[in-house]
Amino acid sequence: MFTVEKIKMGLPLRITFNDTDHVYQINTSPITPTTGELEILLNGEKIILQKDARRVWVQKGEGPVIDPEFAQALGRSVALRFRM
């Protein structure tokens, strides 16, 4: 018998930041109002966002470095979609 690994991958979502369109997918599940960390696949690359003590979304971990304002915009976009 074999096991099938469940792949957590949401629908592609779009965000426009500084007049540039980006496509992202949310790999965190479930998302609740208390979710403090998000794994996002942004343009095919994994990004980890985390809420800091000031409740601002910041990038955490390795991966391509993104603009802090873009990280905040991504976090806000997810929060609005999931009513966090």
PDB file of N, CA and C in Angstrom:
ATOM      1  N   MET A   1       0.844  -1.176   0.000  1.00  0.00           N
ATOM      2  CA  MET A   1       0.000   0.000   0.000  1.00  0.00           C
ATOM      3  C   MET A   1       0.893   1.244   0.000  1.00  0.00           C
ATOM      4  N   PHE A   2       0.449   2.285  -0.614  1.00  0.00           N
ATOM      5  CA  PHE A   2       1.225   3.513  -0.681  1.00  0.00           C
ATOM      6  C   PHE A   2       0.386   4.684  -0.172  1.00  0.00           C
ATOM      7  N   THR A   3       1.069   5.752   0.198  1.00  0.00           N
ATOM      8  CA  THR A   3       0.362   6.949   0.662  1.00  0.00           C
ATOM      9  C   THR A   3       0.543   8.052  -0.362  1.00  0.00           C
ATOM     10  N   VAL A   4      -0.452   8.853  -0.483  1.00  0.00           N
ATOM     11  CA  VAL A   4      -0.403   9.973  -1.408  1.00  0.00           C
ATOM     12  C   VAL A   4      -0.187  11.234  -0.584  1.00  0.00           C
ATOM     13  N   GLU A   5       0.855  11.978  -0.897  1.00  0.00           N
ATOM     14  CA  GLU A   5       1.135  13.221  -0.191  1.00  0.00           C
ATOM     15  C   GLU A   5       0.207  14.311  -0.721  1.00  0.00           C
ATOM     16  N   LYS A   6      -0.491  14.953   0.204  1.00  0.00           N
ATOM     17  CA  LYS A   6      -1.406  16.012  -0.194  1.00  0.00           C
ATOM     18  C   LYS A   6      -0.607  17.282  -0.469  1.00  0.00           C
ATOM     19  N   ILE A   7      -0.800  17.857  -1.621  1.00  0.00           N
ATOM     20  CA  ILE A   7      -0.126  19.093  -1.990  1.00  0.00           C
ATOM     21  C   ILE A   7      -1.038  20.243  -1.634  1.00  0.00           C
ATOM     22  N   LYS A   8      -0.529  21.164  -0.791  1.00  0.00           N
ATOM     23  CA  LYS A   8      -1.304  22.327  -0.402  1.00  0.00           C
ATOM     24  C   LYS A   8      -1.006  23.442  -1.389  1.00  0.00           C
ATOM     25  N   MET A   9      -1.926  23.714  -2.256  1.00  0.00           N
ATOM     26  CA  MET A   9      -1.702  24.754  -3.242  1.00  0.00           C
ATOM     27  C   MET A   9      -3.057  25.361  -3.563  1.00  0.00           C
ATOM     28  N   GLY A  10      -3.169  26.646  -3.370  1.00  0.00           N
ATOM     29  CA  GLY A  10      -4.419  27.329  -3.645  1.00  0.00           C
ATOM     30  C   GLY A  10      -4.498  27.782  -5.091  1.00  0.00           C
ATOM     31  N   LEU A  11      -5.594  28.422  -5.380  1.00  0.00           N
ATOM     32  CA  LEU A  11      -5.774  28.987  -6.712  1.00  0.00           C
ATOM     33  C   LEU A  11      -4.817  30.149  -6.923  1.00  0.00           C
ATOM     34  N   PRO A  12      -4.393  30.377  -8.147  1.00  0.00           N
ATOM     35  CA  PRO A  12      -3.525  31.528  -8.410  1.00  0.00           C
ATOM     36  C   PRO A  12      -4.288  32.836  -8.154  1.00  0.00           C
ATOM     37  N   LEU A  13      -3.673  33.719  -7.413  1.00  0.00           N
ATOM     38  CA  LEU A  13      -4.241  35.025  -7.099  1.00  0.00           C
ATOM     39  C   LEU A  13      -3.335  36.088  -7.693  1.00  0.00           C
ATOM     40  N   ARG A  14      -3.897  37.269  -7.941  1.00  0.00           N
ATOM     41  CA  ARG A  14      -3.108  38.351  -8.540  1.00  0.00           C
ATOM     42  C   ARG A  14      -3.054  39.532  -7.594  1.00  0.00           C
ATOM     43  N   ILE A  15      -1.930  40.230  -7.648  1.00  0.00           N
ATOM     44  CA  ILE A  15      -1.764  41.469  -6.911  1.00  0.00           C
ATOM     45  C   ILE A  15      -0.952  42.410  -7.804  1.00  0.00           C
ATOM     46  N   THR A  16      -1.308  43.674  -7.781  1.00  0.00           N
ATOM     47  CA  THR A  16      -0.546  44.679  -8.517  1.00  0.00           C
ATOM     48  C   THR A  16       0.171  45.545  -7.497  1.00  0.00           C
ATOM     49  N   PHE A  17       1.489  45.652  -7.648  1.00  0.00           N
ATOM     50  CA  PHE A  17       2.304  46.461  -6.744  1.00  0.00           C
ATOM     51  C   PHE A  17       3.271  47.268  -7.588  1.00  0.00           C
ATOM     52  N   ASN A  18       3.288  48.576  -7.402  1.00  0.00           N
ATOM     53  CA  ASN A  18       4.129  49.485  -8.195  1.00  0.00           C
ATOM     54  C   ASN A  18       3.939  49.267  -9.699  1.00  0.00           C
ATOM     55  N   ASP A  19       2.688  49.196 -10.108  1.00  0.00           N
ATOM     56  CA  ASP A  19       2.312  49.044 -11.522  1.00  0.00           C
ATOM     57  C   ASP A  19       2.822  47.750 -12.159  1.00  0.00           C
ATOM     58  N   THR A  20       3.114  46.740 -11.340  1.00  0.00           N
ATOM     59  CA  THR A  20       3.554  45.444 -11.842  1.00  0.00           C
ATOM     60  C   THR A  20       2.621  44.368 -11.309  1.00  0.00           C
ATOM     61  N   ASP A  21       2.117  43.506 -12.196  1.00  0.00           N
ATOM     62  CA  ASP A  21       1.252  42.407 -11.778  1.00  0.00           C
ATOM     63  C   ASP A  21       2.097  41.219 -11.329  1.00  0.00           C
ATOM     64  N   HIS A  22       1.665  40.601 -10.235  1.00  0.00           N
ATOM     65  CA  HIS A  22       2.320  39.409  -9.699  1.00  0.00           C
ATOM     66  C   HIS A  22       1.251  38.349  -9.480  1.00  0.00           C
ATOM     67  N   VAL A  23       1.631  37.097  -9.627  1.00  0.00           N
ATOM     68  CA  VAL A  23       0.740  35.973  -9.370  1.00  0.00           C
ATOM     69  C   VAL A  23       1.279  35.236  -8.156  1.00  0.00           C
ATOM     70  N   TYR A  24       0.373  34.924  -7.204  1.00  0.00           N
ATOM     71  CA  TYR A  24       0.816  34.185  -6.027  1.00  0.00           C
ATOM     72  C   TYR A  24      -0.216  33.140  -5.642  1.00  0.00           C
ATOM     73  N   GLN A  25       0.253  32.155  -4.884  1.00  0.00           N
ATOM     74  CA  GLN A  25      -0.611  31.115  -4.341  1.00  0.00           C
ATOM     75  C   GLN A  25      -0.313  31.001  -2.863  1.00  0.00           C
ATOM     76  N   ILE A  26      -1.332  30.719  -2.086  1.00  0.00           N
ATOM     77  CA  ILE A  26      -1.180  30.576  -0.639  1.00  0.00           C
ATOM     78  C   ILE A  26      -1.037  29.098  -0.332  1.00  0.00           C
ATOM     79  N   ASN A  27       0.049  28.740   0.347  1.00  0.00           N
ATOM     80  CA  ASN A  27       0.306  27.343   0.682  1.00  0.00           C
ATOM     81  C   ASN A  27       0.045  27.048   2.153  1.00  0.00           C
ATOM     82  N   THR A  28      -0.491  27.999   2.892  1.00  0.00           N
ATOM     83  CA  THR A  28      -0.792  27.818   4.305  1.00  0.00           C
ATOM     84  C   THR A  28      -2.249  27.414   4.442  1.00  0.00           C
ATOM     85  N   SER A  29      -2.485  26.403   5.254  1.00  0.00           N
ATOM     86  CA  SER A  29      -3.853  25.951   5.448  1.00  0.00           C
ATOM     87  C   SER A  29      -3.963  25.335   6.836  1.00  0.00           C
ATOM     88  N   PRO A  30      -4.972  25.573   7.590  1.00  0.00           N
ATOM     89  CA  PRO A  30      -6.043  26.543   7.373  1.00  0.00           C
ATOM     90  C   PRO A  30      -5.580  27.942   7.758  1.00  0.00           C
ATOM     91  N   ILE A  31      -6.269  28.922   7.241  1.00  0.00           N
ATOM     92  CA  ILE A  31      -5.991  30.315   7.584  1.00  0.00           C
ATOM     93  C   ILE A  31      -7.125  30.792   8.482  1.00  0.00           C
ATOM     94  N   THR A  32      -6.747  31.264   9.662  1.00  0.00           N
ATOM     95  CA  THR A  32      -7.715  31.741  10.645  1.00  0.00           C
ATOM     96  C   THR A  32      -7.343  33.164  11.045  1.00  0.00           C
ATOM     97  N   PRO A  33      -8.195  33.830  11.805  1.00  0.00           N
ATOM     98  CA  PRO A  33      -7.840  35.184  12.256  1.00  0.00           C
ATOM     99  C   PRO A  33      -6.568  35.241  13.105  1.00  0.00           C
ATOM    100  N   THR A  34      -6.143  34.121  13.660  1.00  0.00           N
ATOM    101  CA  THR A  34      -4.932  34.107  14.485  1.00  0.00           C
ATOM    102  C   THR A  34      -3.686  33.667  13.718  1.00  0.00           C
ATOM    103  N   THR A  35      -3.803  33.393  12.433  1.00  0.00           N
ATOM    104  CA  THR A  35      -2.657  32.967  11.630  1.00  0.00           C
ATOM    105  C   THR A  35      -1.602  34.071  11.636  1.00  0.00           C
ATOM    106  N   GLY A  36      -0.390  33.708  12.016  1.00  0.00           N
ATOM    107  CA  GLY A  36       0.688  34.688  12.103  1.00  0.00           C
ATOM    108  C   GLY A  36       1.810  34.459  11.105  1.00  0.00           C
ATOM    109  N   GLU A  37       1.709  33.365  10.336  1.00  0.00           N
ATOM    110  CA  GLU A  37       2.743  33.066   9.353  1.00  0.00           C
ATOM    111  C   GLU A  37       2.090  32.502   8.098  1.00  0.00           C
ATOM    112  N   LEU A  38       2.545  32.973   6.949  1.00  0.00           N
ATOM    113  CA  LEU A  38       2.006  32.534   5.671  1.00  0.00           C
ATOM    114  C   LEU A  38       3.129  32.046   4.770  1.00  0.00           C
ATOM    115  N   GLU A  39       2.893  30.930   4.109  1.00  0.00           N
ATOM    116  CA  GLU A  39       3.811  30.472   3.068  1.00  0.00           C
ATOM    117  C   GLU A  39       3.137  30.779   1.738  1.00  0.00           C
ATOM    118  N   ILE A  40       3.819  31.557   0.924  1.00  0.00           N
ATOM    119  CA  ILE A  40       3.268  32.005  -0.353  1.00  0.00           C
ATOM    120  C   ILE A  40       4.218  31.612  -1.470  1.00  0.00           C
ATOM    121  N   LEU A  41       3.658  31.157  -2.562  1.00  0.00           N
ATOM    122  CA  LEU A  41       4.427  30.888  -3.773  1.00  0.00           C
ATOM    123  C   LEU A  41       4.225  32.102  -4.677  1.00  0.00           C
ATOM    124  N   LEU A  42       5.244  32.947  -4.772  1.00  0.00           N
ATOM    125  CA  LEU A  42       5.165  34.202  -5.518  1.00  0.00           C
ATOM    126  C   LEU A  42       5.961  34.074  -6.805  1.00  0.00           C
ATOM    127  N   ASN A  43       5.277  34.160  -7.925  1.00  0.00           N
ATOM    128  CA  ASN A  43       5.924  34.018  -9.237  1.00  0.00           C
ATOM    129  C   ASN A  43       6.802  32.771  -9.288  1.00  0.00           C
ATOM    130  N   GLY A  44       6.328  31.680  -8.659  1.00  0.00           N
ATOM    131  CA  GLY A  44       7.043  30.412  -8.695  1.00  0.00           C
ATOM    132  C   GLY A  44       8.097  30.225  -7.617  1.00  0.00           C
ATOM    133  N   GLU A  45       8.273  31.209  -6.708  1.00  0.00           N
ATOM    134  CA  GLU A  45       9.295  31.100  -5.658  1.00  0.00           C
ATOM    135  C   GLU A  45       8.647  31.216  -4.284  1.00  0.00           C
ATOM    136  N   LYS A  46       9.131  30.376  -3.341  1.00  0.00           N
ATOM    137  CA  LYS A  46       8.544  30.325  -2.005  1.00  0.00           C
ATOM    138  C   LYS A  46       8.975  31.528  -1.166  1.00  0.00           C
ATOM    139  N   ILE A  47       7.978  32.184  -0.566  1.00  0.00           N
ATOM    140  CA  ILE A  47       8.196  33.332   0.326  1.00  0.00           C
ATOM    141  C   ILE A  47       7.465  33.028   1.630  1.00  0.00           C
ATOM    142  N   ILE A  48       8.107  33.298   2.755  1.00  0.00           N
ATOM    143  CA  ILE A  48       7.469  33.157   4.064  1.00  0.00           C
ATOM    144  C   ILE A  48       7.229  34.561   4.614  1.00  0.00           C
ATOM    145  N   LEU A  49       5.981  34.838   4.990  1.00  0.00           N
ATOM    146  CA  LEU A  49       5.633  36.110   5.620  1.00  0.00           C
ATOM    147  C   LEU A  49       5.203  35.841   7.049  1.00  0.00           C
ATOM    148  N   GLN A  50       5.592  36.745   7.945  1.00  0.00           N
ATOM    149  CA  GLN A  50       5.257  36.582   9.355  1.00  0.00           C
ATOM    150  C   GLN A  50       4.830  37.925   9.919  1.00  0.00           C
ATOM    151  N   LYS A  51       3.837  37.910  10.817  1.00  0.00           N
ATOM    152  CA  LYS A  51       3.419  39.133  11.500  1.00  0.00           C
ATOM    153  C   LYS A  51       4.391  39.388  12.639  1.00  0.00           C
ATOM    154  N   ASP A  52       4.930  40.606  12.693  1.00  0.00           N
ATOM    155  CA  ASP A  52       5.843  40.935  13.782  1.00  0.00           C
ATOM    156  C   ASP A  52       5.051  41.477  14.976  1.00  0.00           C
ATOM    157  N   ALA A  53       5.758  41.949  16.000  1.00  0.00           N
ATOM    158  CA  ALA A  53       5.122  42.448  17.225  1.00  0.00           C
ATOM    159  C   ALA A  53       4.210  43.637  16.961  1.00  0.00           C
ATOM    160  N   ARG A  54       4.506  44.398  15.908  1.00  0.00           N
ATOM    161  CA  ARG A  54       3.665  45.558  15.560  1.00  0.00           C
ATOM    162  C   ARG A  54       2.507  45.167  14.656  1.00  0.00           C
ATOM    163  N   ARG A  55       2.345  43.840  14.413  1.00  0.00           N
ATOM    164  CA  ARG A  55       1.298  43.283  13.549  1.00  0.00           C
ATOM    165  C   ARG A  55       1.477  43.705  12.088  1.00  0.00           C
ATOM    166  N   VAL A  56       2.727  43.855  11.685  1.00  0.00           N
ATOM    167  CA  VAL A  56       3.096  44.194  10.314  1.00  0.00           C
ATOM    168  C   VAL A  56       3.639  42.920   9.662  1.00  0.00           C
ATOM    169  N   TRP A  57       3.245  42.673   8.424  1.00  0.00           N
ATOM    170  CA  TRP A  57       3.744  41.502   7.699  1.00  0.00           C
ATOM    171  C   TRP A  57       5.164  41.774   7.207  1.00  0.00           C
ATOM    172  N   VAL A  58       6.095  40.888   7.573  1.00  0.00           N
ATOM    173  CA  VAL A  58       7.494  41.003   7.154  1.00  0.00           C
ATOM    174  C   VAL A  58       7.941  39.666   6.577  1.00  0.00           C
ATOM    175  N   GLN A  59       8.938  39.730   5.716  1.00  0.00           N
ATOM    176  CA  GLN A  59       9.478  38.508   5.117  1.00  0.00           C
ATOM    177  C   GLN A  59      10.376  37.820   6.117  1.00  0.00           C
ATOM    178  N   LYS A  60      10.292  36.500   6.151  1.00  0.00           N
ATOM    179  CA  LYS A  60      11.094  35.689   7.059  1.00  0.00           C
ATOM    180  C   LYS A  60      11.779  34.599   6.252  1.00  0.00           C
ATOM    181  N   GLY A  61      12.934  34.175   6.702  1.00  0.00           N
ATOM    182  CA  GLY A  61      13.590  33.027   6.093  1.00  0.00           C
ATOM    183  C   GLY A  61      14.331  33.348   4.813  1.00  0.00           C
ATOM    184  N   GLU A  62      14.675  32.266   4.118  1.00  0.00           N
ATOM    185  CA  GLU A  62      15.438  32.385   2.885  1.00  0.00           C
ATOM    186  C   GLU A  62      14.506  32.607   1.706  1.00  0.00           C
ATOM    187  N   GLY A  63      15.089  32.685   0.556  1.00  0.00           N
ATOM    188  CA  GLY A  63      14.303  32.903  -0.653  1.00  0.00           C
ATOM    189  C   GLY A  63      14.607  34.273  -1.222  1.00  0.00           C
ATOM    190  N   PRO A  64      13.983  34.589  -2.324  1.00  0.00           N
ATOM    191  CA  PRO A  64      14.225  35.897  -2.939  1.00  0.00           C
ATOM    192  C   PRO A  64      13.733  37.014  -2.012  1.00  0.00           C
ATOM    193  N   VAL A  65      14.533  38.031  -1.849  1.00  0.00           N
ATOM    194  CA  VAL A  65      14.172  39.151  -0.975  1.00  0.00           C
ATOM    195  C   VAL A  65      13.213  40.060  -1.728  1.00  0.00           C
ATOM    196  N   ILE A  66      12.119  40.418  -1.062  1.00  0.00           N
ATOM    197  CA  ILE A  66      11.144  41.321  -1.663  1.00  0.00           C
ATOM    198  C   ILE A  66      11.095  42.615  -0.866  1.00  0.00           C
ATOM    199  N   ASP A  67      10.596  43.650  -1.475  1.00  0.00           N
ATOM    200  CA  ASP A  67      10.443  44.957  -0.847  1.00  0.00           C
ATOM    201  C   ASP A  67       9.557  44.809   0.397  1.00  0.00           C
ATOM    202  N   PRO A  68       9.951  45.397   1.541  1.00  0.00           N
ATOM    203  CA  PRO A  68       9.123  45.303   2.753  1.00  0.00           C
ATOM    204  C   PRO A  68       7.693  45.812   2.543  1.00  0.00           C
ATOM    205  N   GLU A  69       7.523  46.821   1.721  1.00  0.00           N
ATOM    206  CA  GLU A  69       6.175  47.321   1.440  1.00  0.00           C
ATOM    207  C   GLU A  69       5.372  46.307   0.628  1.00  0.00           C
ATOM    208  N   PHE A  70       6.050  45.570  -0.246  1.00  0.00           N
ATOM    209  CA  PHE A  70       5.391  44.521  -1.020  1.00  0.00           C
ATOM    210  C   PHE A  70       4.988  43.367  -0.105  1.00  0.00           C
ATOM    211  N   ALA A  71       5.856  43.024   0.861  1.00  0.00           N
ATOM    212  CA  ALA A  71       5.523  41.974   1.830  1.00  0.00           C
ATOM    213  C   ALA A  71       4.267  42.367   2.608  1.00  0.00           C
ATOM    214  N   GLN A  72       4.195  43.628   3.026  1.00  0.00           N
ATOM    215  CA  GLN A  72       3.026  44.115   3.749  1.00  0.00           C
ATOM    216  C   GLN A  72       1.786  44.070   2.858  1.00  0.00           C
ATOM    217  N   ALA A  73       1.921  44.443   1.588  1.00  0.00           N
ATOM    218  CA  ALA A  73       0.791  44.414   0.651  1.00  0.00           C
ATOM    219  C   ALA A  73       0.295  42.977   0.436  1.00  0.00           C
ATOM    220  N   LEU A  74       1.214  42.015   0.330  1.00  0.00           N
ATOM    221  CA  LEU A  74       0.821  40.614   0.180  1.00  0.00           C
ATOM    222  C   LEU A  74       0.068  40.119   1.417  1.00  0.00           C
ATOM    223  N   GLY A  75       0.606  40.421   2.586  1.00  0.00           N
ATOM    224  CA  GLY A  75      -0.058  40.019   3.830  1.00  0.00           C
ATOM    225  C   GLY A  75      -1.445  40.617   3.954  1.00  0.00           C
ATOM    226  N   ARG A  76      -1.571  41.895   3.611  1.00  0.00           N
ATOM    227  CA  ARG A  76      -2.878  42.557   3.653  1.00  0.00           C
ATOM    228  C   ARG A  76      -3.849  41.929   2.659  1.00  0.00           C
ATOM    229  N   SER A  77      -3.345  41.597   1.476  1.00  0.00           N
ATOM    230  CA  SER A  77      -4.188  40.978   0.456  1.00  0.00           C
ATOM    231  C   SER A  77      -4.769  39.656   0.961  1.00  0.00           C
ATOM    232  N   VAL A  78      -3.938  38.842   1.578  1.00  0.00           N
ATOM    233  CA  VAL A  78      -4.398  37.561   2.119  1.00  0.00           C
ATOM    234  C   VAL A  78      -5.380  37.808   3.263  1.00  0.00           C
ATOM    235  N   ALA A  79      -5.040  38.747   4.144  1.00  0.00           N
ATOM    236  CA  ALA A  79      -5.906  39.046   5.288  1.00  0.00           C
ATOM    237  C   ALA A  79      -7.295  39.505   4.831  1.00  0.00           C
ATOM    238  N   LEU A  80      -7.353  40.314   3.786  1.00  0.00           N
ATOM    239  CA  LEU A  80      -8.651  40.765   3.284  1.00  0.00           C
ATOM    240  C   LEU A  80      -9.440  39.627   2.647  1.00  0.00           C
ATOM    241  N   ARG A  81      -8.748  38.765   1.911  1.00  0.00           N
ATOM    242  CA  ARG A  81      -9.439  37.646   1.253  1.00  0.00           C
ATOM    243  C   ARG A  81     -10.016  36.662   2.266  1.00  0.00           C
ATOM    244  N   PHE A  82      -9.300  36.451   3.370  1.00  0.00           N
ATOM    245  CA  PHE A  82      -9.711  35.452   4.359  1.00  0.00           C
ATOM    246  C   PHE A  82     -10.284  36.075   5.630  1.00  0.00           C
ATOM    247  N   ARG A  83     -10.529  37.375   5.597  1.00  0.00           N
ATOM    248  CA  ARG A  83     -11.130  38.101   6.719  1.00  0.00           C
ATOM    249  C   ARG A  83     -10.414  37.806   8.026  1.00  0.00           C
ATOM    250  N   MET A  84      -9.104  37.964   7.987  1.00  0.00           N
ATOM    251  CA  MET A  84      -8.284  37.684   9.168  1.00  0.00           C
ATOM    252  C   MET A  84      -8.415  38.814  10.137  1.00  0.00           C
TER     253      MET A  84
END
